[in-house]
N, C-alpha and C. Protein backbone atom coordinates (compact mmCIF):
# COMPACT_ATOMS: atom_id res chain seq x y z
N SER A 1 20.27 -131.53 -25.83
CA SER A 1 20.16 -130.26 -26.51
C SER A 1 21.53 -129.83 -27.01
N ARG A 2 21.55 -129.08 -28.08
CA ARG A 2 22.79 -128.61 -28.68
C ARG A 2 23.27 -127.34 -27.97
N ARG A 3 24.54 -127.30 -27.67
CA ARG A 3 25.12 -126.13 -27.00
C ARG A 3 26.10 -125.43 -27.93
N VAL A 4 26.11 -124.13 -27.86
CA VAL A 4 27.01 -123.32 -28.66
C VAL A 4 27.94 -122.57 -27.72
N ARG A 5 29.23 -122.64 -27.99
CA ARG A 5 30.21 -121.89 -27.18
C ARG A 5 30.53 -120.60 -27.91
N LEU A 6 30.46 -119.50 -27.18
CA LEU A 6 30.78 -118.19 -27.73
C LEU A 6 31.92 -117.59 -26.91
N ALA A 7 32.96 -117.12 -27.58
CA ALA A 7 34.10 -116.52 -26.88
C ALA A 7 34.37 -115.14 -27.46
N LYS A 8 34.21 -114.14 -26.63
CA LYS A 8 34.52 -112.79 -27.06
C LYS A 8 35.80 -112.36 -26.36
N TRP A 9 36.56 -111.49 -27.01
CA TRP A 9 37.82 -111.09 -26.43
C TRP A 9 38.15 -109.64 -26.79
N ALA A 10 39.04 -109.07 -25.97
CA ALA A 10 39.57 -107.74 -26.22
C ALA A 10 40.98 -107.68 -25.63
N TYR A 11 41.85 -106.95 -26.29
CA TYR A 11 43.19 -106.75 -25.74
C TYR A 11 43.59 -105.29 -25.88
N ARG A 12 44.55 -104.91 -25.04
CA ARG A 12 45.05 -103.53 -25.05
C ARG A 12 46.45 -103.54 -24.43
N PHE A 13 47.42 -103.01 -25.18
CA PHE A 13 48.79 -102.91 -24.66
C PHE A 13 49.56 -101.85 -25.42
N ARG A 14 50.61 -101.38 -24.79
CA ARG A 14 51.53 -100.46 -25.44
C ARG A 14 52.78 -101.23 -25.83
N VAL A 15 53.25 -100.96 -27.03
CA VAL A 15 54.46 -101.61 -27.52
C VAL A 15 55.64 -101.08 -26.72
N SER A 16 56.45 -101.99 -26.20
CA SER A 16 57.65 -101.60 -25.47
C SER A 16 58.77 -102.55 -25.85
N GLY A 17 59.92 -102.29 -25.36
CA GLY A 17 61.03 -103.19 -25.65
C GLY A 17 62.33 -102.46 -25.83
N ILE A 18 63.27 -103.15 -26.42
CA ILE A 18 64.62 -102.62 -26.65
C ILE A 18 64.55 -101.65 -27.83
N PRO A 19 65.18 -100.47 -27.70
CA PRO A 19 65.20 -99.54 -28.84
C PRO A 19 65.75 -100.23 -30.09
N PRO A 20 65.20 -99.92 -31.24
CA PRO A 20 65.63 -100.58 -32.48
C PRO A 20 67.03 -100.15 -32.91
N GLU A 21 67.58 -100.94 -33.81
CA GLU A 21 68.87 -100.58 -34.39
C GLU A 21 68.69 -99.35 -35.27
N GLU A 22 69.76 -98.68 -35.54
CA GLU A 22 69.71 -97.48 -36.37
C GLU A 22 69.10 -97.81 -37.74
N GLY A 23 68.20 -96.95 -38.16
CA GLY A 23 67.58 -97.12 -39.47
C GLY A 23 66.37 -98.04 -39.48
N VAL A 24 66.01 -98.63 -38.33
CA VAL A 24 64.85 -99.52 -38.25
C VAL A 24 63.69 -98.75 -37.61
N LEU A 25 62.56 -98.74 -38.29
CA LEU A 25 61.40 -98.05 -37.75
C LEU A 25 60.86 -98.79 -36.54
N THR A 26 60.28 -98.06 -35.61
CA THR A 26 59.74 -98.68 -34.41
C THR A 26 58.38 -98.08 -34.07
N GLN A 27 57.64 -98.79 -33.27
CA GLN A 27 56.36 -98.29 -32.80
C GLN A 27 56.32 -98.34 -31.28
N ILE A 28 57.46 -98.19 -30.63
CA ILE A 28 57.51 -98.23 -29.17
C ILE A 28 56.63 -97.13 -28.61
N GLY A 29 55.79 -97.50 -27.64
CA GLY A 29 54.89 -96.56 -27.01
C GLY A 29 53.53 -96.46 -27.69
N VAL A 30 53.37 -97.10 -28.84
CA VAL A 30 52.11 -97.04 -29.57
C VAL A 30 51.10 -97.99 -28.93
N LEU A 31 49.88 -97.52 -28.74
CA LEU A 31 48.82 -98.33 -28.18
C LEU A 31 48.26 -99.28 -29.23
N LYS A 32 48.21 -100.55 -28.89
CA LYS A 32 47.63 -101.57 -29.76
C LYS A 32 46.38 -102.11 -29.07
N HIS A 33 45.30 -102.27 -29.82
CA HIS A 33 44.08 -102.80 -29.22
C HIS A 33 43.19 -103.38 -30.32
N ASP A 34 42.41 -104.37 -29.95
CA ASP A 34 41.47 -104.99 -30.88
C ASP A 34 40.47 -105.79 -30.06
N ASN A 35 39.44 -106.28 -30.73
CA ASN A 35 38.43 -107.09 -30.05
C ASN A 35 37.66 -107.92 -31.07
N ASP A 36 36.94 -108.90 -30.58
CA ASP A 36 36.09 -109.73 -31.43
C ASP A 36 34.83 -110.09 -30.66
N ASP A 37 33.70 -110.07 -31.36
CA ASP A 37 32.39 -110.33 -30.75
C ASP A 37 31.97 -111.80 -30.79
N ASP A 38 32.56 -112.57 -31.69
CA ASP A 38 32.16 -113.97 -31.89
C ASP A 38 30.65 -114.12 -32.04
N GLY A 39 30.07 -113.24 -32.87
CA GLY A 39 28.65 -113.38 -33.19
C GLY A 39 27.69 -112.67 -32.25
N GLU A 40 28.19 -112.08 -31.18
CA GLU A 40 27.32 -111.33 -30.27
C GLU A 40 27.63 -109.86 -30.46
N ASP A 41 26.93 -109.24 -31.39
CA ASP A 41 27.21 -107.86 -31.80
C ASP A 41 27.43 -106.92 -30.63
N GLY A 42 28.62 -106.34 -30.58
CA GLY A 42 28.95 -105.35 -29.58
C GLY A 42 29.62 -105.88 -28.33
N ALA A 43 29.63 -107.18 -28.11
CA ALA A 43 30.20 -107.72 -26.87
C ALA A 43 31.69 -107.43 -26.76
N GLY A 44 32.44 -107.68 -27.82
CA GLY A 44 33.88 -107.43 -27.80
C GLY A 44 34.21 -105.96 -27.68
N SER A 45 33.46 -105.11 -28.38
CA SER A 45 33.72 -103.68 -28.31
C SER A 45 33.37 -103.12 -26.93
N LYS A 46 32.36 -103.69 -26.28
CA LYS A 46 32.04 -103.26 -24.91
C LYS A 46 33.17 -103.65 -23.96
N MET A 47 33.77 -104.82 -24.17
CA MET A 47 34.91 -105.23 -23.35
C MET A 47 36.11 -104.33 -23.63
N ALA A 48 36.32 -103.97 -24.90
CA ALA A 48 37.42 -103.06 -25.25
C ALA A 48 37.23 -101.71 -24.57
N HIS A 49 36.00 -101.23 -24.54
CA HIS A 49 35.70 -99.97 -23.87
C HIS A 49 35.98 -100.08 -22.37
N LEU A 50 35.65 -101.22 -21.79
CA LEU A 50 35.94 -101.45 -20.37
C LEU A 50 37.45 -101.39 -20.11
N LEU A 51 38.26 -102.02 -20.97
CA LEU A 51 39.71 -101.97 -20.83
C LEU A 51 40.20 -100.52 -20.88
N HIS A 52 39.62 -99.74 -21.79
CA HIS A 52 39.98 -98.33 -21.92
C HIS A 52 39.59 -97.55 -20.66
N MET A 53 38.36 -97.73 -20.19
CA MET A 53 37.87 -96.99 -19.02
C MET A 53 38.65 -97.35 -17.75
N MET A 54 39.09 -98.60 -17.66
CA MET A 54 39.86 -99.03 -16.49
C MET A 54 41.36 -98.80 -16.68
N ASP A 55 41.73 -98.19 -17.82
CA ASP A 55 43.11 -97.87 -18.16
C ASP A 55 44.02 -99.09 -18.03
N VAL A 56 43.57 -100.20 -18.60
CA VAL A 56 44.33 -101.45 -18.57
C VAL A 56 45.41 -101.39 -19.64
N ASP A 57 46.60 -101.83 -19.29
CA ASP A 57 47.70 -101.90 -20.24
C ASP A 57 48.36 -103.27 -20.09
N GLY A 58 48.44 -103.99 -21.19
CA GLY A 58 49.12 -105.28 -21.19
C GLY A 58 48.22 -106.44 -20.83
N ALA A 59 47.02 -106.47 -21.40
CA ALA A 59 46.10 -107.56 -21.05
C ALA A 59 45.26 -108.01 -22.25
N LEU A 60 44.96 -109.28 -22.23
CA LEU A 60 44.00 -109.90 -23.13
C LEU A 60 42.94 -110.52 -22.24
N VAL A 61 41.68 -110.15 -22.46
CA VAL A 61 40.58 -110.68 -21.67
C VAL A 61 39.67 -111.47 -22.60
N VAL A 62 39.40 -112.71 -22.22
CA VAL A 62 38.50 -113.58 -22.99
C VAL A 62 37.37 -114.02 -22.08
N VAL A 63 36.14 -113.84 -22.54
CA VAL A 63 34.98 -114.32 -21.79
C VAL A 63 34.24 -115.30 -22.69
N SER A 64 34.06 -116.51 -22.19
CA SER A 64 33.32 -117.54 -22.93
C SER A 64 32.00 -117.81 -22.24
N ARG A 65 31.02 -118.12 -23.04
CA ARG A 65 29.75 -118.56 -22.47
C ARG A 65 29.18 -119.63 -23.37
N TRP A 66 28.39 -120.47 -22.79
CA TRP A 66 27.76 -121.54 -23.52
C TRP A 66 26.28 -121.25 -23.61
N PHE A 67 25.76 -121.28 -24.83
CA PHE A 67 24.34 -121.07 -25.02
C PHE A 67 23.67 -122.43 -24.99
N GLY A 68 22.80 -122.60 -24.03
CA GLY A 68 22.12 -123.88 -23.87
C GLY A 68 20.64 -123.81 -24.12
N GLY A 69 20.16 -122.71 -24.70
CA GLY A 69 18.75 -122.61 -25.04
C GLY A 69 18.00 -121.51 -24.30
N THR A 70 18.55 -121.01 -23.19
CA THR A 70 17.89 -119.94 -22.45
C THR A 70 18.36 -118.60 -22.98
N LEU A 71 17.44 -117.79 -23.46
CA LEU A 71 17.79 -116.48 -23.98
C LEU A 71 17.99 -115.50 -22.83
N LEU A 72 19.15 -114.85 -22.79
CA LEU A 72 19.45 -113.88 -21.74
C LEU A 72 19.09 -112.46 -22.14
N GLY A 73 18.89 -112.24 -23.44
CA GLY A 73 18.55 -110.90 -23.91
C GLY A 73 19.70 -109.93 -23.71
N PRO A 74 19.39 -108.65 -23.68
CA PRO A 74 20.42 -107.62 -23.57
C PRO A 74 21.22 -107.68 -22.27
N ARG A 75 20.68 -108.31 -21.23
CA ARG A 75 21.43 -108.37 -19.96
C ARG A 75 22.70 -109.20 -20.08
N ARG A 76 22.82 -109.99 -21.16
CA ARG A 76 24.03 -110.79 -21.32
C ARG A 76 25.26 -109.90 -21.45
N PHE A 77 25.10 -108.69 -22.01
CA PHE A 77 26.24 -107.78 -22.16
C PHE A 77 26.71 -107.30 -20.78
N ALA A 78 25.78 -107.02 -19.89
CA ALA A 78 26.14 -106.62 -18.53
C ALA A 78 26.85 -107.77 -17.81
N ILE A 79 26.37 -108.98 -18.02
CA ILE A 79 26.98 -110.16 -17.39
C ILE A 79 28.40 -110.34 -17.92
N ILE A 80 28.57 -110.25 -19.24
CA ILE A 80 29.89 -110.40 -19.85
C ILE A 80 30.85 -109.34 -19.32
N ASN A 81 30.41 -108.08 -19.27
CA ASN A 81 31.27 -107.00 -18.79
C ASN A 81 31.58 -107.14 -17.30
N ASN A 82 30.62 -107.59 -16.52
CA ASN A 82 30.86 -107.77 -15.09
C ASN A 82 31.90 -108.86 -14.84
N VAL A 83 31.83 -109.95 -15.61
CA VAL A 83 32.82 -111.02 -15.49
C VAL A 83 34.21 -110.48 -15.85
N ALA A 84 34.29 -109.72 -16.95
CA ALA A 84 35.57 -109.14 -17.37
C ALA A 84 36.09 -108.17 -16.30
N ARG A 85 35.22 -107.30 -15.77
CA ARG A 85 35.62 -106.32 -14.75
C ARG A 85 36.15 -107.03 -13.50
N GLU A 86 35.45 -108.05 -13.04
CA GLU A 86 35.88 -108.79 -11.86
C GLU A 86 37.24 -109.45 -12.09
N PHE A 87 37.44 -109.97 -13.30
CA PHE A 87 38.71 -110.59 -13.64
C PHE A 87 39.85 -109.57 -13.61
N ILE A 88 39.61 -108.40 -14.19
CA ILE A 88 40.64 -107.34 -14.22
C ILE A 88 40.98 -106.91 -12.80
N ILE A 89 39.97 -106.72 -11.97
CA ILE A 89 40.21 -106.32 -10.58
C ILE A 89 41.03 -107.37 -9.85
N GLU A 90 40.68 -108.64 -10.04
CA GLU A 90 41.44 -109.72 -9.40
C GLU A 90 42.88 -109.75 -9.89
N CYS A 91 43.08 -109.56 -11.19
CA CYS A 91 44.44 -109.54 -11.75
C CYS A 91 45.25 -108.39 -11.17
N ARG A 92 44.63 -107.23 -10.99
CA ARG A 92 45.33 -106.09 -10.40
C ARG A 92 45.66 -106.35 -8.94
N GLU A 93 44.73 -106.94 -8.21
CA GLU A 93 44.98 -107.24 -6.79
C GLU A 93 46.15 -108.19 -6.61
N ASN A 94 46.38 -109.05 -7.61
CA ASN A 94 47.47 -110.03 -7.55
C ASN A 94 48.68 -109.60 -8.36
N ASP A 95 48.71 -108.33 -8.77
CA ASP A 95 49.83 -107.72 -9.50
C ASP A 95 50.15 -108.43 -10.82
N PHE A 96 49.14 -108.96 -11.48
CA PHE A 96 49.36 -109.56 -12.80
C PHE A 96 49.33 -108.50 -13.89
N ILE A 97 48.55 -107.44 -13.68
CA ILE A 97 48.48 -106.32 -14.62
C ILE A 97 48.46 -105.01 -13.84
N LYS A 98 48.72 -103.92 -14.56
CA LYS A 98 48.70 -102.60 -13.93
C LYS A 98 47.31 -102.02 -13.95
């Protein structure tokens, strides 16, 4: 059977770094965020919302799944978000992210 790999992602971080030279515009402190659904409408934006709700700063979360013919229906979004949530919690427990 043919399998399809789907990878959705979301990131969220604040720009930081060395203050710019005089006369150079900067965006230090500005929140940057984006996401992609990879064909599963709303999956990336739900992950982005999760990053926001968990107040994650400085992370990119990617969840991949392989479609092998079994339809998961709407519960796939809960599964995707639960995997992302568990990953974020584990990263925080190990001091990889704030």
